[in-house]
Protein backbone atom coordinates (compact mmCIF):
# COMPACT_ATOMS: atom_id res chain seq x y z
CA MET A 1 0.01 0.01 -0.01
CA ASN A 2 1.28 3.57 -0.92
CA THR A 3 1.32 5.73 1.70
CA ALA A 4 2.86 8.77 0.34
CA ALA A 5 0.85 12.02 -0.04
CA PRO A 6 -0.31 12.49 -3.48
CA ILE A 7 1.32 15.05 -6.02
CA ARG A 8 -0.85 17.95 -5.74
CA VAL A 9 -1.30 19.21 -9.37
CA LEU A 10 -3.06 22.33 -10.92
CA VAL A 11 -4.10 22.24 -14.51
CA ALA A 12 -4.37 25.25 -16.79
CA ASP A 13 -5.65 25.25 -20.28
CA ASP A 14 -7.70 27.53 -21.85
CA HIS A 15 -9.40 24.75 -24.04
CA ALA A 16 -12.07 23.44 -21.76
CA MET A 17 -12.08 20.03 -23.56
CA VAL A 18 -8.40 19.59 -23.26
CA ARG A 19 -8.45 20.67 -19.61
CA GLN A 20 -10.89 18.17 -18.86
CA GLY A 21 -9.21 15.23 -20.70
CA ILE A 22 -5.87 16.06 -18.86
CA VAL A 23 -7.92 16.16 -15.42
CA GLY A 24 -9.59 12.70 -16.50
CA ILE A 25 -6.26 11.28 -17.39
CA LEU A 26 -4.76 12.46 -13.91
CA LYS A 27 -7.63 11.52 -11.74
CA ALA A 28 -7.10 7.76 -12.88
CA HIS A 29 -4.01 7.60 -10.81
CA PRO A 30 -4.28 7.79 -7.17
CA GLU A 31 -0.75 8.96 -6.69
CA ILE A 32 -1.93 12.28 -8.22
CA GLU A 33 -4.64 14.82 -6.98
CA VAL A 34 -5.84 17.73 -8.96
CA VAL A 35 -6.48 20.41 -6.81
CA ALA A 36 -7.50 23.17 -9.10
CA GLU A 37 -8.18 23.96 -12.77
CA ALA A 38 -7.59 27.20 -14.41
CA SER A 39 -8.74 28.62 -18.10
CA ASP A 40 -6.44 31.41 -18.15
CA GLY A 41 -2.85 32.40 -16.98
CA ALA A 42 -4.35 34.89 -14.46
CA GLU A 43 -6.58 32.66 -12.98
CA ALA A 44 -3.97 29.73 -13.13
CA THR A 45 -1.44 32.24 -11.03
CA ARG A 46 -4.32 33.05 -8.51
CA LYS A 47 -4.95 29.48 -7.95
CA ALA A 48 -1.60 28.48 -7.57
CA LEU A 49 -1.30 30.92 -4.95
CA GLU A 50 -4.37 29.67 -3.22
CA THR A 51 -3.74 26.09 -3.43
CA ARG A 52 0.21 25.90 -3.62
CA PRO A 53 0.29 22.85 -5.63
CA ASP A 54 3.32 20.65 -6.29
CA VAL A 55 3.19 20.87 -9.70
CA VAL A 56 1.35 23.24 -12.21
CA VAL A 57 0.71 21.98 -15.86
CA LEU A 58 0.63 24.73 -17.74
CA ASP A 59 -0.37 25.90 -21.41
CA LEU A 60 1.66 28.51 -23.25
CA GLY A 61 -1.27 30.10 -25.37
CA MET A 62 -3.86 31.35 -22.93
CA PRO A 63 -5.68 34.72 -22.78
CA ARG A 64 -5.28 37.41 -20.15
CA LEU A 65 -1.83 36.33 -19.07
CA ASN A 66 0.29 33.94 -21.31
CA GLY A 67 1.85 30.74 -20.01
CA PHE A 68 5.44 32.35 -19.93
CA GLU A 69 4.19 35.00 -17.53
CA ALA A 70 2.13 32.97 -15.60
CA ALA A 71 4.94 30.49 -15.25
CA ARG A 72 7.21 33.36 -14.16
CA ARG A 73 4.97 34.97 -11.72
CA ILE A 74 4.18 31.11 -10.29
CA HIS A 75 7.84 30.62 -9.91
CA GLU A 76 8.70 33.69 -8.17
CA ALA A 77 6.14 33.48 -5.64
CA LEU A 78 6.38 29.55 -5.27
CA PRO A 79 9.72 28.68 -5.88
CA ASP A 80 9.04 24.89 -4.48
CA THR A 81 6.16 24.58 -7.06
CA LYS A 82 7.46 22.89 -10.06
CA ILE A 83 6.00 23.85 -13.66
CA LEU A 84 5.55 21.57 -16.39
CA ILE A 85 4.45 23.31 -19.81
CA LEU A 86 2.23 21.39 -22.00
CA THR A 87 1.80 23.22 -25.41
CA MET A 88 1.39 22.72 -29.24
CA GLN A 89 4.72 24.61 -29.77
CA GLU A 90 7.70 22.54 -30.52
CA GLU A 91 10.31 25.56 -31.28
CA GLU A 92 13.47 25.90 -29.50
CA GLU A 93 12.40 29.48 -28.62
CA TYR A 94 9.43 28.57 -26.86
CA VAL A 95 11.36 26.00 -24.73
CA ILE A 96 14.10 28.63 -23.92
CA ARG A 97 11.36 31.30 -22.92
CA SER A 98 9.55 28.52 -20.45
CA VAL A 99 13.01 27.58 -18.82
CA ARG A 100 13.82 31.19 -18.20
CA ALA A 101 10.35 31.75 -17.26
CA GLY A 102 10.91 28.95 -14.30
CA ALA A 103 9.52 25.69 -15.92
CA SER A 104 11.14 22.48 -15.15
CA GLY A 105 9.83 20.76 -17.91
CA TYR A 106 8.32 21.08 -21.56
CA LEU A 107 5.89 18.57 -23.27
CA VAL A 108 3.88 18.92 -26.21
CA LYS A 109 0.36 17.93 -26.61
CA ASP A 110 0.77 15.23 -29.33
CA GLY A 111 2.76 13.26 -26.76
CA ALA A 112 1.23 10.15 -24.90
CA ALA A 113 -0.35 10.33 -21.72
CA SER A 114 2.46 8.37 -20.07
CA ASP A 115 4.43 11.19 -20.91
CA LEU A 116 2.48 13.77 -19.22
CA LEU A 117 2.32 11.44 -16.12
CA ALA A 118 6.21 11.06 -16.26
CA GLY A 119 6.84 14.44 -16.51
CA ILE A 120 4.68 15.30 -13.53
CA ARG A 121 6.49 12.38 -11.49
CA ALA A 122 10.02 13.69 -12.65
CA VAL A 123 9.56 17.49 -12.00
CA ASN A 124 7.93 16.82 -8.91
CA GLY A 125 11.02 14.84 -7.79
CA GLY A 126 13.24 17.41 -8.60
CA ARG A 127 14.27 16.38 -12.30
CA ARG A 128 13.68 18.38 -15.31
CA TYR A 129 11.67 16.43 -18.11
CA PHE A 130 11.52 17.54 -21.46
CA ALA A 131 9.71 15.94 -24.52
CA ALA A 132 12.28 14.20 -26.94
CA SER A 133 11.33 16.92 -29.48
CA ALA A 134 12.30 19.85 -27.12
CA ARG A 135 15.46 18.19 -26.19
CA ARG A 136 16.70 18.05 -29.62
CA SER A 137 15.90 21.82 -30.40
CA ALA A 138 17.07 23.27 -27.57
CA THR A 139 19.39 20.91 -25.94
CA ALA A 140 17.01 21.11 -22.76
CA ARG A 141 19.47 19.20 -20.57
CA ASP A 142 22.00 22.33 -20.72
CA LEU A 143 19.33 25.06 -19.76
CA ARG A 144 19.20 26.91 -16.65
CA PRO A 145 16.37 29.41 -15.53
CA GLU A 146 17.49 32.84 -15.61
CA GLY A 147 18.64 34.50 -12.34
CA ARG A 148 20.23 30.89 -11.32
CA THR A 149 23.31 29.83 -13.15
CA GLY A 150 21.85 31.02 -16.71
CA GLU A 151 25.08 32.05 -18.45
CA ARG A 152 24.65 29.43 -21.10
CA LEU A 153 21.44 30.16 -21.29
CA GLY A 154 21.82 33.90 -21.90
CA ARG A 155 24.26 33.13 -24.90
CA MET A 156 21.63 31.02 -26.52
CA ARG A 157 19.93 32.60 -29.24
CA PRO A 158 16.68 31.18 -31.23
CA ARG A 159 17.65 29.40 -34.33
CA PRO A 160 15.61 31.00 -37.30
CA LEU A 161 12.70 28.78 -38.45
CA ALA A 162 12.84 27.00 -41.59
């Protein structure tokens, strides 16, 4: 019997059907507890401050406050809360901006549910987790959030898109 406390997760995505699907996947796993949902970045920030989740699963393209700014605000206010980006964007620029904002992981929405679960477990455990496409495009294993040891990150520049 697992007596460990569940991983407390906030899910933020502006598409209700996508958000409900993510929540449904997570609720099927007893080691994860969804403590809040948000439909925009401002609501995600407010609910993160209210519920203090272990992990925030955050979309980038949301109204009122985009995911980058929501991640930055959550990371500044709750440095122990881990941020896992879940987006459609695979470009290097998005990965870099996400890490600079404080994200510990980056997944694309066309991945498997098992990737989402592995990402949540990894970032909750203090590790970084990046989809294969994000690792390839941005050498994510070498990135550090800005303000920490971000010297290498500061030198990286987005490649032009083909």
